C-alpha atoms as a PDB file:
ATOM      1  CA  MET A   1     109.637  98.547 132.231  1.00  0.00           C
ATOM      2  CA  ALA A   2     106.664 101.098 132.608  1.00  0.00           C
ATOM      3  CA  SER A   3     106.865 103.302 135.358  1.00  0.00           C
ATOM      4  CA  SER A   4     103.227 101.599 136.591  1.00  0.00           C
ATOM      5  CA  ASP A   5     105.512  97.687 137.193  1.00  0.00           C
ATOM      6  CA  PHE A   6     107.106 100.318 140.497  1.00  0.00           C
ATOM      7  CA  GLN A   7     105.240 100.558 143.734  1.00  0.00           C
ATOM      8  CA  PRO A   8     105.208 103.953 145.355  1.00  0.00           C
ATOM      9  CA  VAL A   9     107.600 104.928 148.064  1.00  0.00           C
ATOM     10  CA  LEU A  10     105.764 106.002 150.883  1.00  0.00           C
ATOM     11  CA  ASN A  11     107.903 109.248 151.621  1.00  0.00           C
ATOM     12  CA  PHE A  12     106.606 112.224 153.574  1.00  0.00           C
ATOM     13  CA  ASP A  13     107.543 114.609 156.559  1.00  0.00           C
ATOM     14  CA  ARG A  14     105.753 114.575 159.781  1.00  0.00           C
ATOM     15  CA  PRO A  15     105.642 118.262 161.687  1.00  0.00           C
ATOM     16  CA  VAL A  16     104.811 118.084 165.421  1.00  0.00           C
ATOM     17  CA  THR A  17     104.639 121.008 167.376  1.00  0.00           C
ATOM     18  CA  ILE A  18     105.584 121.520 170.743  1.00  0.00           C
ATOM     19  CA  ALA A  19     103.411 124.571 171.776  1.00  0.00           C
ATOM     20  CA  VAL A  20     104.778 127.869 173.861  1.00  0.00           C
ATOM     21  CA  GLY A  21     104.814 126.774 177.215  1.00  0.00           C
ATOM     22  CA  GLU A  22     105.282 122.567 176.664  1.00  0.00           C
ATOM     23  CA  THR A  23     107.470 120.059 176.736  1.00  0.00           C
ATOM     24  CA  ILE A  24     105.632 117.478 174.840  1.00  0.00           C
ATOM     25  CA  SER A  25     104.541 117.807 170.827  1.00  0.00           C
ATOM     26  CA  THR A  26     101.579 116.548 169.578  1.00  0.00           C
ATOM     27  CA  ALA A  27     101.267 113.266 167.998  1.00  0.00           C
ATOM     28  CA  VAL A  28     101.560 111.853 165.117  1.00  0.00           C
ATOM     29  CA  ASP A  29     100.934 108.478 162.996  1.00  0.00           C
ATOM     30  CA  VAL A  30     104.189 107.725 160.365  1.00  0.00           C
ATOM     31  CA  TYR A  31     101.554 105.011 159.144  1.00  0.00           C
ATOM     32  CA  GLY A  32     104.509 102.511 159.381  1.00  0.00           C
ATOM     33  CA  THR A  33     107.578 104.264 158.250  1.00  0.00           C
ATOM     34  CA  CYS A  34     110.741 104.856 159.842  1.00  0.00           C
ATOM     35  CA  ILE A  35     111.632 107.827 160.505  1.00  0.00           C
ATOM     36  CA  GLY A  36     115.530 108.745 159.270  1.00  0.00           C
ATOM     37  CA  ALA A  37     116.001 112.360 160.082  1.00  0.00           C
ATOM     38  CA  LEU A  38     114.963 114.980 162.481  1.00  0.00           C
ATOM     39  CA  ILE A  39     114.391 118.686 161.262  1.00  0.00           C
ATOM     40  CA  THR A  40     114.776 120.788 163.930  1.00  0.00           C
ATOM     41  CA  ASP A  41     113.307 125.157 163.803  1.00  0.00           C
ATOM     42  CA  ALA A  42     115.064 128.313 164.779  1.00  0.00           C
ATOM     43  CA  ASN A  43     111.989 128.933 167.703  1.00  0.00           C
ATOM     44  CA  LEU A  44     113.368 125.680 169.591  1.00  0.00           C
ATOM     45  CA  THR A  45     114.135 126.071 173.131  1.00  0.00           C
ATOM     46  CA  GLY A  46     115.618 122.592 174.232  1.00  0.00           C
ATOM     47  CA  THR A  47     119.081 121.105 173.473  1.00  0.00           C
ATOM     48  CA  ALA A  48     118.053 117.591 174.045  1.00  0.00           C
ATOM     49  CA  LEU A  49     115.007 115.392 172.582  1.00  0.00           C
ATOM     50  CA  THR A  50     113.153 112.333 174.228  1.00  0.00           C
ATOM     51  CA  PHE A  51     110.497 110.603 172.659  1.00  0.00           C
ATOM     52  CA  LEU A  52     106.929 108.856 173.684  1.00  0.00           C
ATOM     53  CA  CYS A  53     105.760 105.672 171.502  1.00  0.00           C
ATOM     54  CA  SER A  54     102.398 104.214 171.996  1.00  0.00           C
ATOM     55  CA  ASP A  55     100.098 101.684 170.147  1.00  0.00           C
ATOM     56  CA  SER A  56      97.274 103.704 168.947  1.00  0.00           C
ATOM     57  CA  LEU A  57      96.534 107.676 168.540  1.00  0.00           C
ATOM     58  CA  ASN A  58      95.120 107.860 172.025  1.00  0.00           C
ATOM     59  CA  GLY A  59      96.828 105.294 174.034  1.00  0.00           C
ATOM     60  CA  THR A  60      99.269 105.959 176.628  1.00  0.00           C
ATOM     61  CA  TYR A  61     102.253 107.371 175.600  1.00  0.00           C
ATOM     62  CA  LEU A  62     105.426 105.427 176.963  1.00  0.00           C
ATOM     63  CA  SER A  63     109.139 106.429 176.632  1.00  0.00           C
ATOM     64  CA  TYR A  64     110.921 105.299 174.128  1.00  0.00           C
ATOM     65  CA  LYS A  65     113.945 103.089 175.924  1.00  0.00           C
ATOM     66  CA  ASP A  66     116.931 101.958 174.732  1.00  0.00           C
ATOM     67  CA  LEU A  67     116.697  98.012 175.188  1.00  0.00           C
ATOM     68  CA  LYS A  68     120.757  97.530 176.270  1.00  0.00           C
ATOM     69  CA  THR A  69     120.945 100.175 178.725  1.00  0.00           C
ATOM     70  CA  GLY A  70     117.041 100.908 179.787  1.00  0.00           C
ATOM     71  CA  ALA A  71     117.732 104.787 179.486  1.00  0.00           C
ATOM     72  CA  ALA A  72     115.736 106.942 177.463  1.00  0.00           C
ATOM     73  CA  ALA A  73     116.584 107.754 174.001  1.00  0.00           C
ATOM     74  CA  ALA A  74     117.562 110.724 173.501  1.00  0.00           C
ATOM     75  CA  ALA A  75     119.057 113.256 170.786  1.00  0.00           C
ATOM     76  CA  VAL A  76     121.236 116.396 171.446  1.00  0.00           C
ATOM     77  CA  VAL A  77     120.622 119.433 169.043  1.00  0.00           C
ATOM     78  CA  THR A  78     120.573 122.288 168.305  1.00  0.00           C
ATOM     79  CA  THR A  79     118.065 125.124 166.420  1.00  0.00           C
ATOM     80  CA  SER A  80     118.144 124.979 162.494  1.00  0.00           C
ATOM     81  CA  GLY A  81     119.373 121.421 162.586  1.00  0.00           C
ATOM     82  CA  TYR A  82     118.838 118.150 160.326  1.00  0.00           C
ATOM     83  CA  TYR A  83     119.862 114.935 162.282  1.00  0.00           C
ATOM     84  CA  ALA A  84     119.680 111.278 160.874  1.00  0.00           C
ATOM     85  CA  THR A  85     118.973 108.783 162.772  1.00  0.00           C
ATOM     86  CA  ALA A  86     119.172 104.960 162.900  1.00  0.00           C
ATOM     87  CA  PRO A  87     115.913 103.696 161.169  1.00  0.00           C
ATOM     88  CA  ILE A  88     115.830 100.773 162.552  1.00  0.00           C
ATOM     89  CA  ASP A  89     115.847 102.522 166.230  1.00  0.00           C
ATOM     90  CA  PHE A  90     112.449 103.687 165.036  1.00  0.00           C
ATOM     91  CA  SER A  91     110.905 100.501 162.805  1.00  0.00           C
ATOM     92  CA  PHE A  92     108.485  99.210 165.322  1.00  0.00           C
ATOM     93  CA  VAL A  93     107.149 102.646 166.159  1.00  0.00           C
ATOM     94  CA  ARG A  94     103.479 103.808 165.065  1.00  0.00           C
ATOM     95  CA  PHE A  95     102.633 106.896 167.318  1.00  0.00           C
ATOM     96  CA  ILE A  96     105.119 109.650 168.434  1.00  0.00           C
ATOM     97  CA  LYS A  97     105.651 112.698 170.342  1.00  0.00           C
ATOM     98  CA  VAL A  98     108.612 114.382 170.367  1.00  0.00           C
ATOM     99  CA  VAL A  99     109.338 115.847 173.609  1.00  0.00           C
ATOM    100  CA  SER A 100     112.090 118.834 174.528  1.00  0.00           C
ATOM    101  CA  GLY A 101     114.263 118.964 177.887  1.00  0.00           C
ATOM    102  CA  THR A 102     113.203 122.398 178.044  1.00  0.00           C
ATOM    103  CA  ILE A 103     109.795 124.199 177.956  1.00  0.00           C
ATOM    104  CA  GLN A 104     109.405 125.993 175.159  1.00  0.00           C
ATOM    105  CA  ALA A 105     109.532 129.031 175.740  1.00  0.00           C
ATOM    106  CA  THR A 106     108.677 132.294 173.196  1.00  0.00           C
ATOM    107  CA  ALA A 107     106.832 130.798 170.420  1.00  0.00           C
ATOM    108  CA  ASP A 108     105.478 127.070 169.231  1.00  0.00           C
ATOM    109  CA  SER A 109     108.705 125.305 167.866  1.00  0.00           C
ATOM    110  CA  VAL A 110     108.058 122.542 164.781  1.00  0.00           C
ATOM    111  CA  VAL A 111     110.170 119.054 164.649  1.00  0.00           C
ATOM    112  CA  THR A 112     110.400 117.322 161.568  1.00  0.00           C
ATOM    113  CA  LEU A 113     109.863 114.042 161.445  1.00  0.00           C
ATOM    114  CA  VAL A 114     111.351 112.642 158.304  1.00  0.00           C
ATOM    115  CA  THR A 115     110.603 109.306 157.527  1.00  0.00           C
ATOM    116  CA  ARG A 116     110.922 106.608 154.364  1.00  0.00           C
ATOM    117  CA  ARG A 117     109.268 103.500 153.955  1.00  0.00           C
ATOM    118  CA  LEU A 118     112.023 100.741 154.245  1.00  0.00           C
ATOM    119  CA  SER A 119     111.979  98.235 151.891  1.00  0.00           C
END
């Protein structure tokens, strides 16, 4: 079978920045992929992340909540970590912002969303 018989797989990482003095990152379009992991950098001040989602890039961002509990979906994190998610949790998210539980203190922090197409 020729390699041209295979469909390309949409795999890419989407960095978002939490600026100094802020708790909310820039918005990112994950282009219909699923977030399978989060990578935190050495500058991250917070130890908990939550998420805001929207149906358009410049739309209204709402808290991403667990349907069963009604609580905001949260990740407990540290600096320089690679954290797996349950891809199904983010399978219907298109536009997302990352929210730190603590104001970013000394330098901008980049959180990388590792995305993959589910097929």
